[in-house]
Amino acid sequence: MSQRISSGPAAYQAATRPDIEMQPLLSVSTQENLANGRRSYRNNVWLGLELENVPRSDDHLAKIASGSIRNEVEGRIRSALRMRGQSFFLLNDEMKFLSLVFATDACAFVGDKKGQEHRKHIAAFASFGRKEKFEKLIDTFNQLYDVRNKIVHRGCSFGELGINAKDQLIEMDHILCSCIDAALQEKWSTKQEVTSAIDMRILGFKN
């Protein structure tokens, strides 16, 4: 049984509510897991996620979150958890969104890939090797990355773009959670292993 990452709108709503005092450790909440359709429990902390109710035999993610790092991929997982956790406390929706994009890029070892090569890499990484999931993810990520480019290169806000910020945050968080989940389950340990596996996966999807 693998520990999953929860994603959903509650964290983004709570982060900007004036009646919630910002603390290093927030109370436990239960959220819909958009990444895999299951439910899990999590604490939102400054370093990322401190998981609760994790079976003693399956506490791998909890150990990574607490700083027990054995290889390069686990280091990226922890960094992604850290960035995701901190993004909840950013007051600007555009900054939250960009933080999730940057965390996704780092977690998936995108490297110097650009354009469609970059977007296919992210979708393939989060697809768990399933072509139908890859095709759905590439469509979603293309739309999200177009929004990212307008924010970064044109200085646009979600309001100026006529886009619902919460919807974009939820979709981007979904992809990041899928990448974290994939990095954990695929058992890669180095950047070279990830790059080789993803390149081969993309070639397989073409057939």
Foldseek 3Di string as FASTA:
>chain_A
DADADAFDLPLLVQLQDPVDDDDQWDDKDWHQRLQPRDIAIWIQGQQATQGPPAPPVHCVLNCLCVPPDDFDLSVLLSNLRNLLSVLSNDNALLSSLVSLVVSLCSNLLLDPDDDLSSLLSLLLLLQLLDLVSSVVSSVLVVVLVVVNCCCVVVVDGCVNVVHDSSVSSRSSVSSSSSNSRSSVPVPDGDSVVSVVVSVVSVVVSVD
